[in-house]
């Protein structure tokens, strides 16, 4: 009987510890743009698409590629490589469109390659510093360490704000 109680107490304690550990973990979808590793909070990712036909729009910023029709919903597509460095993303077999959702708005982000979903402990995530490159500083909300890599975690508030305001 004592061993049964001991086992149940150990099981409860293990369950409590694993629940506490889950609260300390953030998940990011990682992808590359021009050789740099970026991440987006996984909860904000709606879906990942292979590149489809993009309808160009007149009189928009050049990093806004246009719009796509996704099951009856019109979604703007932006090229972050164009936004960051001024050069366009070359479509290749690993290129993808990441459809993200924030505050009931959807936006597609064209990336060179989707890498993987990573789990990062909160203590390995640092707020972005203002001295970060001018190309990134308004859109990178944090930097995290995963294995030997640094991941620039994008703040979708700023990305969608850029698309809506045309800045």
N, C-alpha and C. Protein backbone atom coordinates (compact mmCIF):
# COMPACT_ATOMS: atom_id res chain seq x y z
N UNK A 1 0.83 -1.20 0.00
CA UNK A 1 0.00 0.00 0.00
C UNK A 1 0.87 1.26 0.00
N UNK A 2 1.97 1.25 0.78
CA UNK A 2 2.86 2.41 0.82
C UNK A 2 3.52 2.66 -0.52
N UNK A 3 3.92 1.62 -1.20
CA UNK A 3 4.55 1.81 -2.51
C UNK A 3 3.54 2.37 -3.51
N UNK A 4 2.28 1.96 -3.38
CA UNK A 4 1.24 2.49 -4.27
C UNK A 4 1.05 3.99 -4.03
N UNK A 5 1.00 4.42 -2.77
CA UNK A 5 0.88 5.84 -2.44
C UNK A 5 2.10 6.62 -2.92
N UNK A 6 3.26 6.04 -2.74
CA UNK A 6 4.49 6.70 -3.17
C UNK A 6 4.49 6.89 -4.69
N UNK A 7 4.10 5.86 -5.42
CA UNK A 7 4.04 5.95 -6.87
C UNK A 7 3.03 7.01 -7.32
N UNK A 8 1.88 7.08 -6.68
CA UNK A 8 0.88 8.07 -7.08
C UNK A 8 1.36 9.49 -6.75
N UNK A 9 2.06 9.66 -5.62
CA UNK A 9 2.60 10.99 -5.30
C UNK A 9 3.68 11.41 -6.29
N UNK A 10 4.52 10.46 -6.68
CA UNK A 10 5.56 10.75 -7.67
C UNK A 10 4.92 11.12 -9.01
N UNK A 11 3.88 10.40 -9.39
CA UNK A 11 3.19 10.69 -10.65
C UNK A 11 2.57 12.08 -10.61
N UNK A 12 1.94 12.46 -9.50
CA UNK A 12 1.34 13.79 -9.37
C UNK A 12 2.40 14.88 -9.45
N UNK A 13 3.51 14.66 -8.75
CA UNK A 13 4.59 15.65 -8.75
C UNK A 13 5.18 15.82 -10.15
N UNK A 14 5.37 14.71 -10.86
CA UNK A 14 5.90 14.76 -12.22
C UNK A 14 4.94 15.50 -13.13
N UNK A 15 3.65 15.26 -12.98
CA UNK A 15 2.64 15.94 -13.80
C UNK A 15 2.66 17.44 -13.52
N UNK A 16 2.76 17.84 -12.25
CA UNK A 16 2.81 19.27 -11.89
C UNK A 16 4.05 19.93 -12.48
N UNK A 17 5.19 19.25 -12.41
CA UNK A 17 6.43 19.81 -12.95
C UNK A 17 6.36 19.97 -14.47
N UNK A 18 5.78 18.97 -15.16
CA UNK A 18 5.71 19.08 -16.62
C UNK A 18 4.74 20.18 -17.03
N UNK A 19 3.65 20.39 -16.27
CA UNK A 19 2.73 21.49 -16.57
C UNK A 19 3.41 22.83 -16.34
N UNK A 20 4.21 22.94 -15.28
CA UNK A 20 4.94 24.18 -15.00
C UNK A 20 5.97 24.44 -16.10
N UNK A 21 6.62 23.38 -16.60
CA UNK A 21 7.62 23.54 -17.65
C UNK A 21 6.98 23.99 -18.95
N UNK A 22 5.75 23.53 -19.25
CA UNK A 22 5.08 23.94 -20.48
C UNK A 22 4.79 25.43 -20.49
N UNK A 23 4.55 26.01 -19.32
CA UNK A 23 4.30 27.45 -19.25
C UNK A 23 5.53 28.26 -19.60
N UNK A 24 6.70 27.67 -19.45
CA UNK A 24 7.96 28.36 -19.72
C UNK A 24 8.45 28.17 -21.15
N UNK A 25 7.64 27.55 -22.01
CA UNK A 25 8.07 27.25 -23.37
C UNK A 25 7.23 28.01 -24.38
N UNK A 26 7.91 28.62 -25.35
CA UNK A 26 7.27 29.28 -26.49
C UNK A 26 7.59 28.45 -27.73
N UNK A 27 6.64 28.36 -28.65
CA UNK A 27 6.88 27.65 -29.90
C UNK A 27 6.90 28.65 -31.05
N UNK A 28 7.88 28.49 -31.93
CA UNK A 28 8.04 29.37 -33.08
C UNK A 28 8.15 28.54 -34.35
N UNK A 29 7.52 29.04 -35.42
CA UNK A 29 7.77 28.48 -36.74
C UNK A 29 8.97 29.23 -37.28
N UNK A 30 10.02 28.51 -37.62
CA UNK A 30 11.24 29.17 -38.11
C UNK A 30 11.30 29.06 -39.64
N UNK A 31 11.90 30.09 -40.23
CA UNK A 31 12.04 30.16 -41.67
C UNK A 31 13.25 31.02 -42.00
N UNK A 32 13.69 30.93 -43.25
CA UNK A 32 14.86 31.72 -43.64
C UNK A 32 14.47 32.72 -44.72
N UNK A 33 15.11 33.87 -44.61
CA UNK A 33 15.03 34.90 -45.64
C UNK A 33 16.45 35.40 -45.85
N UNK A 34 16.95 35.22 -47.06
CA UNK A 34 18.29 35.69 -47.41
C UNK A 34 19.36 35.18 -46.44
N UNK A 35 19.22 33.93 -46.02
CA UNK A 35 20.22 33.31 -45.14
C UNK A 35 20.04 33.61 -43.66
N UNK A 36 19.13 34.49 -43.30
CA UNK A 36 18.87 34.81 -41.89
C UNK A 36 17.75 33.92 -41.37
N UNK A 37 17.83 33.55 -40.10
CA UNK A 37 16.80 32.71 -39.48
C UNK A 37 15.81 33.60 -38.72
N UNK A 38 14.54 33.46 -39.03
CA UNK A 38 13.47 34.22 -38.39
C UNK A 38 12.47 33.26 -37.77
N UNK A 39 11.66 33.79 -36.87
CA UNK A 39 10.62 32.99 -36.25
C UNK A 39 9.35 33.80 -36.07
N UNK A 40 8.23 33.09 -36.06
CA UNK A 40 6.92 33.67 -35.77
C UNK A 40 6.27 32.76 -34.74
N UNK A 41 5.60 33.35 -33.75
CA UNK A 41 4.91 32.54 -32.76
C UNK A 41 3.96 31.57 -33.48
N UNK A 42 4.04 30.32 -33.12
CA UNK A 42 3.28 29.28 -33.81
C UNK A 42 1.78 29.51 -33.71
N UNK A 43 1.32 30.04 -32.62
CA UNK A 43 -0.11 30.26 -32.44
C UNK A 43 -0.68 31.26 -33.45
N UNK A 44 0.17 32.08 -34.05
CA UNK A 44 -0.29 33.09 -35.00
C UNK A 44 -0.27 32.59 -36.45
N UNK A 45 0.31 31.42 -36.67
CA UNK A 45 0.40 30.87 -38.03
C UNK A 45 -0.91 30.17 -38.37
N UNK A 46 -1.52 30.59 -39.47
CA UNK A 46 -2.78 30.00 -39.91
C UNK A 46 -2.51 28.79 -40.80
N UNK A 47 -1.64 28.96 -41.79
CA UNK A 47 -1.27 27.85 -42.66
C UNK A 47 -0.04 28.21 -43.48
N UNK A 48 0.51 27.21 -44.14
CA UNK A 48 1.69 27.38 -44.99
C UNK A 48 1.31 26.89 -46.38
N UNK A 49 1.56 27.75 -47.38
CA UNK A 49 1.18 27.45 -48.76
C UNK A 49 2.39 27.39 -49.67
N UNK A 50 2.28 26.56 -50.71
CA UNK A 50 3.24 26.67 -51.80
C UNK A 50 2.87 27.94 -52.56
N UNK A 51 3.85 28.61 -53.18
CA UNK A 51 3.52 29.85 -53.90
C UNK A 51 2.43 29.63 -54.95
N UNK A 52 1.51 30.56 -54.99
CA UNK A 52 0.40 30.53 -55.94
C UNK A 52 0.43 31.85 -56.73
N UNK A 53 -0.46 31.97 -57.70
CA UNK A 53 -0.51 33.18 -58.50
C UNK A 53 -0.89 34.37 -57.61
N UNK A 54 -0.09 35.43 -57.69
CA UNK A 54 -0.32 36.64 -56.91
C UNK A 54 -0.75 37.76 -57.85
N UNK A 55 -1.90 38.34 -57.57
CA UNK A 55 -2.41 39.44 -58.38
C UNK A 55 -1.77 40.74 -57.92
N UNK A 56 -1.05 41.39 -58.83
CA UNK A 56 -0.37 42.65 -58.50
C UNK A 56 -1.39 43.75 -58.26
N UNK A 57 -1.04 44.67 -57.38
CA UNK A 57 -1.87 45.84 -57.11
C UNK A 57 -1.12 47.09 -57.53
N UNK A 58 -1.80 48.04 -58.15
CA UNK A 58 -1.11 49.28 -58.53
C UNK A 58 -0.96 50.21 -57.32
N UNK A 59 0.05 51.04 -57.37
CA UNK A 59 0.27 52.11 -56.38
C UNK A 59 0.39 51.61 -54.94
N UNK A 60 1.12 50.51 -54.75
CA UNK A 60 1.41 50.03 -53.40
C UNK A 60 2.93 49.97 -53.23
N UNK A 61 3.36 49.88 -52.01
CA UNK A 61 4.80 49.76 -51.75
C UNK A 61 5.31 48.53 -52.49
N UNK A 62 6.58 48.59 -52.94
CA UNK A 62 7.09 47.51 -53.77
C UNK A 62 7.28 46.20 -53.01
N UNK A 63 7.35 46.22 -51.67
CA UNK A 63 7.46 44.96 -50.93
C UNK A 63 6.11 44.27 -50.76
N UNK A 64 5.01 44.94 -51.12
CA UNK A 64 3.71 44.29 -51.13
C UNK A 64 3.54 43.71 -52.54
N UNK A 65 3.61 42.40 -52.62
CA UNK A 65 3.60 41.74 -53.93
C UNK A 65 2.24 41.79 -54.59
N UNK A 66 1.20 41.81 -53.79
CA UNK A 66 -0.16 41.80 -54.32
C UNK A 66 -1.06 41.03 -53.38
N UNK A 67 -2.09 40.40 -53.95
CA UNK A 67 -3.05 39.64 -53.14
C UNK A 67 -3.28 38.27 -53.76
N UNK A 68 -3.73 37.35 -52.91
CA UNK A 68 -4.16 36.04 -53.38
C UNK A 68 -5.58 35.81 -52.89
N UNK A 69 -6.26 34.92 -53.57
CA UNK A 69 -7.60 34.51 -53.16
C UNK A 69 -7.46 33.16 -52.47
N UNK A 70 -7.66 33.15 -51.15
CA UNK A 70 -7.53 31.92 -50.38
C UNK A 70 -8.92 31.50 -49.91
N UNK A 71 -9.51 30.58 -50.65
CA UNK A 71 -10.86 30.10 -50.32
C UNK A 71 -11.86 31.23 -50.14
N UNK A 72 -11.82 32.19 -51.07
CA UNK A 72 -12.77 33.29 -51.06
C UNK A 72 -12.35 34.50 -50.25
N UNK A 73 -11.24 34.43 -49.57
CA UNK A 73 -10.74 35.57 -48.79
C UNK A 73 -9.53 36.18 -49.50
N UNK A 74 -9.54 37.49 -49.64
CA UNK A 74 -8.43 38.19 -50.29
C UNK A 74 -7.37 38.50 -49.23
N UNK A 75 -6.15 38.03 -49.48
CA UNK A 75 -5.07 38.16 -48.49
C UNK A 75 -3.88 38.86 -49.14
N UNK A 76 -3.38 39.95 -48.51
CA UNK A 76 -2.18 40.61 -49.05
C UNK A 76 -0.94 39.75 -48.81
N UNK A 77 -0.03 39.78 -49.76
CA UNK A 77 1.22 39.02 -49.67
C UNK A 77 2.38 40.02 -49.66
N UNK A 78 3.24 39.87 -48.65
CA UNK A 78 4.40 40.75 -48.59
C UNK A 78 5.69 39.94 -48.73
N UNK A 79 6.67 40.58 -49.28
CA UNK A 79 8.00 39.99 -49.46
C UNK A 79 8.92 40.64 -48.44
N UNK A 80 9.18 39.92 -47.34
CA UNK A 80 10.02 40.51 -46.29
C UNK A 80 11.45 40.74 -46.75
N UNK A 81 11.93 39.91 -47.66
CA UNK A 81 13.29 40.12 -48.17
C UNK A 81 13.37 41.48 -48.86
N UNK A 82 12.35 41.80 -49.64
CA UNK A 82 12.30 43.10 -50.32
C UNK A 82 12.21 44.22 -49.28
N UNK A 83 11.44 44.00 -48.23
CA UNK A 83 11.28 45.01 -47.18
C UNK A 83 12.59 45.23 -46.42
N UNK A 84 13.29 44.13 -46.15
CA UNK A 84 14.51 44.24 -45.36
C UNK A 84 15.71 44.71 -46.18
N UNK A 85 15.92 44.12 -47.36
CA UNK A 85 17.16 44.41 -48.08
C UNK A 85 16.96 45.08 -49.43
N UNK A 86 15.73 45.16 -49.90
CA UNK A 86 15.47 45.80 -51.18
C UNK A 86 15.51 44.86 -52.37
N UNK A 87 16.00 43.63 -52.18
CA UNK A 87 16.02 42.68 -53.30
C UNK A 87 14.85 41.71 -53.17
N UNK A 88 14.32 41.31 -54.31
CA UNK A 88 13.14 40.43 -54.31
C UNK A 88 13.51 38.99 -54.01
N UNK A 89 12.55 38.28 -53.44
CA UNK A 89 12.72 36.85 -53.19
C UNK A 89 12.61 36.10 -54.51
N UNK A 90 13.59 35.26 -54.81
CA UNK A 90 13.54 34.41 -55.99
C UNK A 90 12.73 33.18 -55.64
N UNK A 91 11.67 32.93 -56.39
CA UNK A 91 10.86 31.74 -56.13
C UNK A 91 11.65 30.50 -56.51
N UNK A 92 11.69 29.55 -55.59
CA UNK A 92 12.37 28.29 -55.81
C UNK A 92 11.51 27.20 -55.17
N UNK A 93 11.83 25.94 -55.40
CA UNK A 93 10.98 24.87 -54.83
C UNK A 93 10.74 24.96 -53.32
N UNK A 94 11.72 25.37 -52.50
CA UNK A 94 11.40 25.45 -51.07
C UNK A 94 10.67 26.73 -50.64
N UNK A 95 10.45 27.69 -51.55
CA UNK A 95 9.76 28.94 -51.18
C UNK A 95 8.34 28.63 -50.70
N UNK A 96 7.90 29.40 -49.71
CA UNK A 96 6.56 29.20 -49.16
C UNK A 96 5.93 30.54 -48.80
N UNK A 97 4.61 30.53 -48.71
CA UNK A 97 3.85 31.67 -48.19
C UNK A 97 3.31 31.24 -46.84
N UNK A 98 3.68 31.97 -45.81
CA UNK A 98 3.17 31.70 -44.46
C UNK A 98 1.99 32.65 -44.24
N UNK A 99 0.82 32.09 -44.07
CA UNK A 99 -0.37 32.89 -43.80
C UNK A 99 -0.50 33.01 -42.28
N UNK A 100 -0.45 34.26 -41.81
CA UNK A 100 -0.53 34.51 -40.37
C UNK A 100 -1.82 35.26 -40.07
N UNK A 101 -2.25 35.13 -38.83
CA UNK A 101 -3.49 35.80 -38.43
C UNK A 101 -3.25 36.56 -37.14
N UNK A 102 -3.65 37.82 -37.16
CA UNK A 102 -3.51 38.66 -35.98
C UNK A 102 -4.70 39.61 -35.93
N UNK A 103 -5.41 39.58 -34.84
CA UNK A 103 -6.57 40.45 -34.65
C UNK A 103 -7.53 40.36 -35.83
N UNK A 104 -7.90 39.16 -36.19
CA UNK A 104 -8.89 38.91 -37.25
C UNK A 104 -8.40 39.30 -38.65
N UNK A 105 -7.14 39.67 -38.81
CA UNK A 105 -6.60 40.02 -40.12
C UNK A 105 -5.60 38.95 -40.54
N UNK A 106 -5.65 38.60 -41.81
CA UNK A 106 -4.70 37.63 -42.35
C UNK A 106 -3.77 38.33 -43.32
N UNK A 107 -2.56 37.83 -43.35
CA UNK A 107 -1.53 38.39 -44.21
C UNK A 107 -0.62 37.23 -44.60
N UNK A 108 -0.12 37.24 -45.83
CA UNK A 108 0.81 36.22 -46.27
C UNK A 108 2.22 36.78 -46.34
N UNK A 109 3.16 35.98 -45.92
CA UNK A 109 4.56 36.38 -45.94
C UNK A 109 5.32 35.40 -46.83
N UNK A 110 5.92 35.92 -47.89
CA UNK A 110 6.71 35.08 -48.78
C UNK A 110 8.10 34.90 -48.18
N UNK A 111 8.53 33.65 -48.01
CA UNK A 111 9.83 33.35 -47.42
C UNK A 111 10.61 32.41 -48.33
N UNK A 112 11.93 32.40 -48.16
CA UNK A 112 12.78 31.53 -48.96
C UNK A 112 12.54 30.06 -48.64
N UNK A 113 12.40 29.75 -47.34
CA UNK A 113 12.24 28.35 -46.94
C UNK A 113 11.71 28.28 -45.52
N UNK A 114 10.73 27.41 -45.29
CA UNK A 114 10.25 27.14 -43.94
C UNK A 114 11.14 26.05 -43.37
N UNK A 115 11.65 26.26 -42.15
CA UNK A 115 12.59 25.31 -41.56
C UNK A 115 11.88 24.29 -40.67
N UNK A 116 11.44 24.72 -39.48
CA UNK A 116 10.85 23.79 -38.53
C UNK A 116 10.14 24.56 -37.42
N UNK A 117 9.42 23.82 -36.60
CA UNK A 117 8.83 24.39 -35.39
C UNK A 117 9.80 24.10 -34.26
N UNK A 118 10.15 25.13 -33.51
CA UNK A 118 11.09 24.96 -32.39
C UNK A 118 10.41 25.36 -31.09
N UNK A 119 10.80 24.68 -30.03
CA UNK A 119 10.34 25.02 -28.69
C UNK A 119 11.50 25.69 -27.97
N UNK A 120 11.24 26.90 -27.47
CA UNK A 120 12.30 27.68 -26.83
C UNK A 120 11.85 28.04 -25.43
N UNK A 121 12.74 27.82 -24.45
CA UNK A 121 12.43 28.25 -23.08
C UNK A 121 12.41 29.76 -23.02
N UNK A 122 11.51 30.30 -22.22
CA UNK A 122 11.37 31.77 -22.12
C UNK A 122 12.68 32.44 -21.68
N UNK A 123 13.47 31.78 -20.87
CA UNK A 123 14.72 32.41 -20.41
C UNK A 123 15.75 32.50 -21.53
N UNK A 124 15.49 31.84 -22.68
CA UNK A 124 16.39 31.94 -23.83
C UNK A 124 15.89 32.97 -24.85
N UNK A 125 14.87 33.74 -24.47
CA UNK A 125 14.32 34.77 -25.35
C UNK A 125 14.65 36.13 -24.77
N UNK A 126 15.26 36.99 -25.58
CA UNK A 126 15.63 38.34 -25.15
C UNK A 126 14.87 39.35 -25.99
N UNK A 127 14.49 40.46 -25.37
CA UNK A 127 13.84 41.52 -26.14
C UNK A 127 14.84 42.08 -27.14
N UNK A 128 14.32 42.50 -28.28
CA UNK A 128 15.19 43.09 -29.32
C UNK A 128 15.71 44.43 -28.82
N UNK A 129 16.92 44.74 -29.20
CA UNK A 129 17.51 46.02 -28.81
C UNK A 129 17.30 47.03 -29.91
N UNK A 130 17.27 48.29 -29.55
CA UNK A 130 17.04 49.35 -30.53
C UNK A 130 18.18 49.51 -31.52
N UNK A 131 19.37 49.01 -31.17
CA UNK A 131 20.52 49.14 -32.05
C UNK A 131 20.53 48.11 -33.17
N UNK A 132 19.53 47.22 -33.18
CA UNK A 132 19.44 46.23 -34.24
C UNK A 132 19.36 46.96 -35.58
N UNK A 133 19.83 46.33 -36.62
CA UNK A 133 19.84 46.95 -37.95
C UNK A 133 18.55 47.70 -38.23
N UNK A 134 18.67 48.84 -38.86
CA UNK A 134 17.49 49.65 -39.18
C UNK A 134 16.47 48.89 -40.01
N UNK A 135 16.95 47.92 -40.79
CA UNK A 135 16.01 47.14 -41.60
C UNK A 135 15.10 46.28 -40.73
N UNK A 136 15.59 45.84 -39.58
CA UNK A 136 14.85 44.89 -38.77
C UNK A 136 14.20 45.49 -37.53
N UNK A 137 14.73 46.58 -36.99
CA UNK A 137 14.39 46.97 -35.62
C UNK A 137 12.92 47.23 -35.37
N UNK A 138 12.15 47.63 -36.34
CA UNK A 138 10.74 47.89 -36.10
C UNK A 138 9.90 46.62 -36.13
N UNK A 139 10.42 45.56 -36.71
CA UNK A 139 9.63 44.35 -36.86
C UNK A 139 10.10 43.17 -36.01
N UNK A 140 11.28 43.24 -35.45
CA UNK A 140 11.78 42.15 -34.61
C UNK A 140 11.44 42.48 -33.16
N UNK A 141 10.65 41.58 -32.54
CA UNK A 141 10.25 41.84 -31.15
C UNK A 141 11.17 41.17 -30.15
N UNK A 142 11.83 40.07 -30.56
CA UNK A 142 12.74 39.40 -29.64
C UNK A 142 13.74 38.55 -30.42
N UNK A 143 14.76 38.12 -29.71
CA UNK A 143 15.77 37.23 -30.26
C UNK A 143 15.86 36.03 -29.34
N UNK A 144 15.85 34.84 -29.93
CA UNK A 144 15.93 33.64 -29.09
C UNK A 144 17.08 32.76 -29.55
N UNK A 145 17.54 31.94 -28.62
CA UNK A 145 18.61 30.99 -28.91
C UNK A 145 18.00 29.60 -29.01
N UNK A 146 18.35 28.90 -30.09
CA UNK A 146 17.92 27.51 -30.25
C UNK A 146 19.11 26.75 -30.79
N UNK A 147 19.55 25.74 -30.05
CA UNK A 147 20.79 25.03 -30.36
C UNK A 147 21.90 26.06 -30.48
N UNK A 148 22.55 26.11 -31.63
CA UNK A 148 23.63 27.08 -31.84
C UNK A 148 23.17 28.28 -32.64
N UNK A 149 21.88 28.37 -32.92
CA UNK A 149 21.35 29.42 -33.79
C UNK A 149 20.68 30.54 -33.01
N UNK A 150 20.74 31.74 -33.57
CA UNK A 150 19.95 32.86 -33.07
C UNK A 150 18.77 33.03 -34.02
N UNK A 151 17.59 33.20 -33.45
CA UNK A 151 16.38 33.36 -34.25
C UNK A 151 15.82 34.74 -33.97
N UNK A 152 15.59 35.52 -35.04
CA UNK A 152 14.97 36.84 -34.91
C UNK A 152 13.45 36.63 -34.97
N UNK A 153 12.78 36.85 -33.85
CA UNK A 153 11.34 36.62 -33.77
C UNK A 153 10.60 37.89 -34.17
N UNK A 154 9.80 37.74 -35.21
CA UNK A 154 9.09 38.89 -35.78
C UNK A 154 7.84 39.22 -34.98
N UNK A 155 7.59 40.52 -34.83
CA UNK A 155 6.36 40.99 -34.20
C UNK A 155 5.33 41.25 -35.29
N UNK A 156 4.29 40.46 -35.31
CA UNK A 156 3.31 40.58 -36.39
C UNK A 156 2.54 41.88 -36.32
N UNK A 157 2.43 42.49 -35.15
CA UNK A 157 1.76 43.79 -35.05
C UNK A 157 2.40 44.77 -36.02
N UNK A 158 3.72 44.83 -36.01
CA UNK A 158 4.43 45.77 -36.85
C UNK A 158 4.35 45.39 -38.33
N UNK A 159 4.40 44.12 -38.65
CA UNK A 159 4.34 43.69 -40.05
C UNK A 159 2.99 44.05 -40.65
N UNK A 160 1.92 43.71 -39.96
CA UNK A 160 0.59 44.00 -40.48
C UNK A 160 0.34 45.50 -40.48
N UNK A 161 0.88 46.20 -39.50
CA UNK A 161 0.75 47.67 -39.48
C UNK A 161 1.44 48.28 -40.69
N UNK A 162 2.63 47.74 -41.05
CA UNK A 162 3.34 48.22 -42.24
C UNK A 162 2.49 48.02 -43.49
N UNK A 163 1.84 46.87 -43.61
CA UNK A 163 1.02 46.59 -44.79
C UNK A 163 -0.17 47.52 -44.83
N UNK A 164 -0.83 47.72 -43.68
CA UNK A 164 -2.03 48.55 -43.64
C UNK A 164 -1.73 50.03 -43.83
N UNK A 165 -0.59 50.49 -43.30
CA UNK A 165 -0.30 51.92 -43.39
C UNK A 165 0.49 52.27 -44.64
N UNK A 166 1.12 51.26 -45.27
CA UNK A 166 1.92 51.51 -46.46
C UNK A 166 3.22 52.22 -46.16
N UNK A 167 3.78 52.04 -44.95
CA UNK A 167 5.03 52.72 -44.57
C UNK A 167 6.22 51.98 -45.09
